[in-house]
């Protein structure tokens, strides 16, 4: 996983099976981040973190 303040790139065995919005929990962090998919490959997913309302 590659993570930045704006989003993350995730390596997955089947990125097509992931819905358009997800909640991401990162090991070692106590925060769960709501994300939306911005790019999808066969085994890779790029998500943008949604800002809280």
Protein backbone atom coordinates (compact mmCIF):
# COMPACT_ATOMS: atom_id res chain seq x y z
CA UNK A 1 0.00 0.00 0.00
CA UNK A 2 1.16 3.49 -0.88
CA UNK A 3 -0.55 6.16 1.24
CA UNK A 4 -0.54 9.97 1.10
CA UNK A 5 -2.57 12.68 2.85
CA UNK A 6 -5.05 12.71 -0.08
CA UNK A 7 -5.47 8.99 -0.76
CA UNK A 8 -3.88 5.60 -1.28
CA UNK A 9 -2.97 2.98 -3.86
CA UNK A 10 -3.95 -0.52 -2.80
CA UNK A 11 -2.74 -3.83 -4.24
CA UNK A 12 -5.62 -6.33 -4.25
CA UNK A 13 -6.16 -9.76 -5.81
CA UNK A 14 -9.49 -8.64 -7.36
CA UNK A 15 -9.91 -4.85 -7.45
CA UNK A 16 -13.05 -5.21 -9.59
CA UNK A 17 -14.90 -6.72 -6.62
CA UNK A 18 -14.44 -3.59 -4.44
CA UNK A 19 -17.41 -1.15 -4.31
CA UNK A 20 -17.09 2.53 -5.33
CA UNK A 21 -16.92 3.72 -1.71
CA UNK A 22 -15.13 1.91 1.12
CA UNK A 23 -13.93 2.47 4.66
CA UNK A 24 -10.20 1.89 4.95
CA UNK A 25 -8.57 0.83 8.23
CA UNK A 26 -4.77 1.11 8.23
CA UNK A 27 -2.75 -1.13 10.54
CA UNK A 28 -1.12 0.93 13.30
CA UNK A 29 -3.59 3.82 12.97
CA UNK A 30 -6.66 4.34 15.10
CA UNK A 31 -8.57 6.14 12.34
CA UNK A 32 -10.88 4.63 9.74
CA UNK A 33 -11.00 6.64 6.52
CA UNK A 34 -13.91 6.85 4.10
CA UNK A 35 -12.66 6.56 0.53
CA UNK A 36 -13.97 6.68 -3.01
CA UNK A 37 -12.41 4.84 -5.92
CA UNK A 38 -10.78 7.15 -8.48
CA UNK A 39 -8.94 4.54 -10.58
CA UNK A 40 -9.28 0.80 -10.87
CA UNK A 41 -6.97 -1.79 -12.41
CA UNK A 42 -7.11 -5.58 -12.40
CA UNK A 43 -5.09 -5.88 -9.19
CA UNK A 44 -4.69 -2.25 -8.08
CA UNK A 45 -7.05 0.37 -6.72
CA UNK A 46 -6.47 4.11 -6.25
CA UNK A 47 -8.72 5.78 -3.69
CA UNK A 48 -9.19 9.36 -2.54
CA UNK A 49 -9.96 10.08 1.09
CA UNK A 50 -13.28 11.84 1.63
CA UNK A 51 -13.25 14.82 3.95
CA UNK A 52 -15.65 14.62 6.90
CA UNK A 53 -18.77 16.75 6.50
